[in-house]
Amino acid sequence: MGRPRQFNEDRVLDAVMETFWQRGFDGTSAQHLVDATGLGRGSL
């Protein structure tokens, strides 16, 4: 069984959507999403 989530899913989704709106789909990298959410790549 996995660990319980340590983040607010709604806040993460808001940060991801904002990043896509600002940069567009083609201009957004995984690193941009990591920076915006504070999550690790594996958690995305």
PDB file of N, CA and C in Angstrom:
ATOM      1  N   MET A   1       0.841  -1.178   0.000  1.00  0.00           N
ATOM      2  CA  MET A   1       0.000   0.000   0.000  1.00  0.00           C
ATOM      3  C   MET A   1       0.887   1.242   0.000  1.00  0.00           C
ATOM      4  N   GLY A   2       0.502   2.245  -0.754  1.00  0.00           N
ATOM      5  CA  GLY A   2       1.259   3.490  -0.853  1.00  0.00           C
ATOM      6  C   GLY A   2       1.052   4.385   0.353  1.00  0.00           C
ATOM      7  N   ARG A   3       1.895   5.383   0.426  1.00  0.00           N
ATOM      8  CA  ARG A   3       1.773   6.361   1.510  1.00  0.00           C
ATOM      9  C   ARG A   3       0.599   7.289   1.244  1.00  0.00           C
ATOM     10  N   PRO A   4       0.011   7.836   2.304  1.00  0.00           N
ATOM     11  CA  PRO A   4      -1.058   8.831   2.092  1.00  0.00           C
ATOM     12  C   PRO A   4      -0.483  10.104   1.479  1.00  0.00           C
ATOM     13  N   ARG A   5      -1.299  10.812   0.750  1.00  0.00           N
ATOM     14  CA  ARG A   5      -0.863  12.055   0.103  1.00  0.00           C
ATOM     15  C   ARG A   5      -0.498  13.105   1.142  1.00  0.00           C
ATOM     16  N   GLN A   6       0.546  13.839   0.822  1.00  0.00           N
ATOM     17  CA  GLN A   6       1.008  14.899   1.713  1.00  0.00           C
ATOM     18  C   GLN A   6       0.819  16.266   1.064  1.00  0.00           C
ATOM     19  N   PHE A   7      -0.075  16.343   0.059  1.00  0.00           N
ATOM     20  CA  PHE A   7      -0.293  17.595  -0.650  1.00  0.00           C
ATOM     21  C   PHE A   7      -1.775  17.777  -0.918  1.00  0.00           C
ATOM     22  N   ASN A   8      -2.153  19.013  -1.191  1.00  0.00           N
ATOM     23  CA  ASN A   8      -3.536  19.347  -1.502  1.00  0.00           C
ATOM     24  C   ASN A   8      -3.733  19.217  -3.009  1.00  0.00           C
ATOM     25  N   GLU A   9      -4.530  18.251  -3.418  1.00  0.00           N
ATOM     26  CA  GLU A   9      -4.714  17.971  -4.842  1.00  0.00           C
ATOM     27  C   GLU A   9      -5.285  19.171  -5.594  1.00  0.00           C
ATOM     28  N   ASP A  10      -6.206  19.903  -4.987  1.00  0.00           N
ATOM     29  CA  ASP A  10      -6.795  21.072  -5.653  1.00  0.00           C
ATOM     30  C   ASP A  10      -5.749  22.152  -5.915  1.00  0.00           C
ATOM     31  N   ARG A  11      -4.863  22.379  -4.968  1.00  0.00           N
ATOM     32  CA  ARG A  11      -3.802  23.388  -5.152  1.00  0.00           C
ATOM     33  C   ARG A  11      -2.831  22.969  -6.248  1.00  0.00           C
ATOM     34  N   VAL A  12      -2.521  21.693  -6.296  1.00  0.00           N
ATOM     35  CA  VAL A  12      -1.624  21.188  -7.338  1.00  0.00           C
ATOM     36  C   VAL A  12      -2.269  21.365  -8.706  1.00  0.00           C
ATOM     37  N   LEU A  13      -3.536  20.999  -8.833  1.00  0.00           N
ATOM     38  CA  LEU A  13      -4.232  21.151 -10.111  1.00  0.00           C
ATOM     39  C   LEU A  13      -4.307  22.614 -10.532  1.00  0.00           C
ATOM     40  N   ASP A  14      -4.558  23.505  -9.587  1.00  0.00           N
ATOM     41  CA  ASP A  14      -4.584  24.939  -9.903  1.00  0.00           C
ATOM     42  C   ASP A  14      -3.224  25.407 -10.424  1.00  0.00           C
ATOM     43  N   ALA A  15      -2.149  24.967  -9.781  1.00  0.00           N
ATOM     44  CA  ALA A  15      -0.804  25.368 -10.206  1.00  0.00           C
ATOM     45  C   ALA A  15      -0.475  24.819 -11.592  1.00  0.00           C
ATOM     46  N   VAL A  16      -0.882  23.585 -11.858  1.00  0.00           N
ATOM     47  CA  VAL A  16      -0.634  22.976 -13.168  1.00  0.00           C
ATOM     48  C   VAL A  16      -1.420  23.707 -14.250  1.00  0.00           C
ATOM     49  N   MET A  17      -2.691  23.986 -13.987  1.00  0.00           N
ATOM     50  CA  MET A  17      -3.508  24.700 -14.980  1.00  0.00           C
ATOM     51  C   MET A  17      -2.950  26.086 -15.258  1.00  0.00           C
ATOM     52  N   GLU A  18      -2.540  26.794 -14.225  1.00  0.00           N
ATOM     53  CA  GLU A  18      -1.968  28.130 -14.394  1.00  0.00           C
ATOM     54  C   GLU A  18      -0.701  28.075 -15.248  1.00  0.00           C
ATOM     55  N   THR A  19       0.122  27.078 -15.005  1.00  0.00           N
ATOM     56  CA  THR A  19       1.356  26.929 -15.784  1.00  0.00           C
ATOM     57  C   THR A  19       1.046  26.673 -17.252  1.00  0.00           C
ATOM     58  N   PHE A  20       0.091  25.800 -17.530  1.00  0.00           N
ATOM     59  CA  PHE A  20      -0.291  25.535 -18.918  1.00  0.00           C
ATOM     60  C   PHE A  20      -0.898  26.775 -19.572  1.00  0.00           C
ATOM     61  N   TRP A  21      -1.695  27.537 -18.837  1.00  0.00           N
ATOM     62  CA  TRP A  21      -2.282  28.760 -19.398  1.00  0.00           C
ATOM     63  C   TRP A  21      -1.191  29.765 -19.751  1.00  0.00           C
ATOM     64  N   GLN A  22      -0.195  29.897 -18.889  1.00  0.00           N
ATOM     65  CA  GLN A  22       0.866  30.877 -19.117  1.00  0.00           C
ATOM     66  C   GLN A  22       1.826  30.460 -20.228  1.00  0.00           C
ATOM     67  N   ARG A  23       2.174  29.183 -20.280  1.00  0.00           N
ATOM     68  CA  ARG A  23       3.223  28.718 -21.181  1.00  0.00           C
ATOM     69  C   ARG A  23       2.701  27.965 -22.400  1.00  0.00           C
ATOM     70  N   GLY A  24       1.456  27.534 -22.344  1.00  0.00           N
ATOM     71  CA  GLY A  24       0.919  26.695 -23.412  1.00  0.00           C
ATOM     72  C   GLY A  24       1.388  25.262 -23.240  1.00  0.00           C
ATOM     73  N   PHE A  25       0.702  24.352 -23.915  1.00  0.00           N
ATOM     74  CA  PHE A  25       1.037  22.932 -23.776  1.00  0.00           C
ATOM     75  C   PHE A  25       2.450  22.637 -24.270  1.00  0.00           C
ATOM     76  N   ASP A  26       2.788  23.155 -25.438  1.00  0.00           N
ATOM     77  CA  ASP A  26       4.110  22.881 -26.017  1.00  0.00           C
ATOM     78  C   ASP A  26       5.246  23.555 -25.253  1.00  0.00           C
ATOM     79  N   GLY A  27       4.947  24.633 -24.537  1.00  0.00           N
ATOM     80  CA  GLY A  27       5.985  25.362 -23.827  1.00  0.00           C
ATOM     81  C   GLY A  27       6.161  24.953 -22.380  1.00  0.00           C
ATOM     82  N   THR A  28       5.406  23.966 -21.928  1.00  0.00           N
ATOM     83  CA  THR A  28       5.468  23.528 -20.540  1.00  0.00           C
ATOM     84  C   THR A  28       6.230  22.218 -20.440  1.00  0.00           C
ATOM     85  N   SER A  29       7.245  22.222 -19.603  1.00  0.00           N
ATOM     86  CA  SER A  29       8.029  21.001 -19.390  1.00  0.00           C
ATOM     87  C   SER A  29       7.666  20.395 -18.032  1.00  0.00           C
ATOM     88  N   ALA A  30       8.114  19.184 -17.820  1.00  0.00           N
ATOM     89  CA  ALA A  30       7.914  18.551 -16.519  1.00  0.00           C
ATOM     90  C   ALA A  30       8.575  19.384 -15.422  1.00  0.00           C
ATOM     91  N   GLN A  31       9.726  19.971 -15.720  1.00  0.00           N
ATOM     92  CA  GLN A  31      10.410  20.797 -14.720  1.00  0.00           C
ATOM     93  C   GLN A  31       9.587  22.027 -14.367  1.00  0.00           C
ATOM     94  N   HIS A  32       8.905  22.626 -15.337  1.00  0.00           N
ATOM     95  CA  HIS A  32       8.023  23.756 -15.040  1.00  0.00           C
ATOM     96  C   HIS A  32       6.937  23.332 -14.054  1.00  0.00           C
ATOM     97  N   LEU A  33       6.378  22.143 -14.248  1.00  0.00           N
ATOM     98  CA  LEU A  33       5.323  21.659 -13.357  1.00  0.00           C
ATOM     99  C   LEU A  33       5.871  21.338 -11.974  1.00  0.00           C
ATOM    100  N   VAL A  34       7.056  20.777 -11.915  1.00  0.00           N
ATOM    101  CA  VAL A  34       7.707  20.512 -10.629  1.00  0.00           C
ATOM    102  C   VAL A  34       7.925  21.825  -9.884  1.00  0.00           C
ATOM    103  N   ASP A  35       8.424  22.832 -10.591  1.00  0.00           N
ATOM    104  CA  ASP A  35       8.674  24.139  -9.971  1.00  0.00           C
ATOM    105  C   ASP A  35       7.381  24.788  -9.492  1.00  0.00           C
ATOM    106  N   ALA A  36       6.321  24.680 -10.273  1.00  0.00           N
ATOM    107  CA  ALA A  36       5.050  25.327  -9.936  1.00  0.00           C
ATOM    108  C   ALA A  36       4.344  24.647  -8.771  1.00  0.00           C
ATOM    109  N   THR A  37       4.477  23.331  -8.666  1.00  0.00           N
ATOM    110  CA  THR A  37       3.732  22.587  -7.652  1.00  0.00           C
ATOM    111  C   THR A  37       4.533  22.284  -6.397  1.00  0.00           C
ATOM    112  N   GLY A  38       5.854  22.236  -6.540  1.00  0.00           N
ATOM    113  CA  GLY A  38       6.683  21.837  -5.409  1.00  0.00           C
ATOM    114  C   GLY A  38       6.742  20.331  -5.213  1.00  0.00           C
ATOM    115  N   LEU A  39       6.124  19.582  -6.108  1.00  0.00           N
ATOM    116  CA  LEU A  39       6.153  18.124  -6.030  1.00  0.00           C
ATOM    117  C   LEU A  39       7.373  17.588  -6.760  1.00  0.00           C
ATOM    118  N   GLY A  40       7.741  16.374  -6.448  1.00  0.00           N
ATOM    119  CA  GLY A  40       8.784  15.695  -7.198  1.00  0.00           C
ATOM    120  C   GLY A  40       8.209  15.128  -8.485  1.00  0.00           C
ATOM    121  N   ARG A  41       9.078  14.825  -9.418  1.00  0.00           N
ATOM    122  CA  ARG A  41       8.627  14.274 -10.710  1.00  0.00           C
ATOM    123  C   ARG A  41       7.813  12.998 -10.524  1.00  0.00           C
ATOM    124  N   GLY A  42       8.216  12.156  -9.608  1.00  0.00           N
ATOM    125  CA  GLY A  42       7.502  10.901  -9.366  1.00  0.00           C
ATOM    126  C   GLY A  42       6.104  11.101  -8.821  1.00  0.00           C
ATOM    127  N   SER A  43       5.875  12.201  -8.137  1.00  0.00           N
ATOM    128  CA  SER A  43       4.545  12.485  -7.586  1.00  0.00           C
ATOM    129  C   SER A  43       3.601  13.065  -8.615  1.00  0.00           C
ATOM    130  N   LEU A  44       4.167  13.636  -9.681  1.00  0.00           N
ATOM    131  CA  LEU A  44       3.310  14.184 -10.724  1.00  0.00           C
ATOM    132  C   LEU A  44       2.628  13.064 -11.465  1.00  0.00           C
TER     133      LEU A  44
END
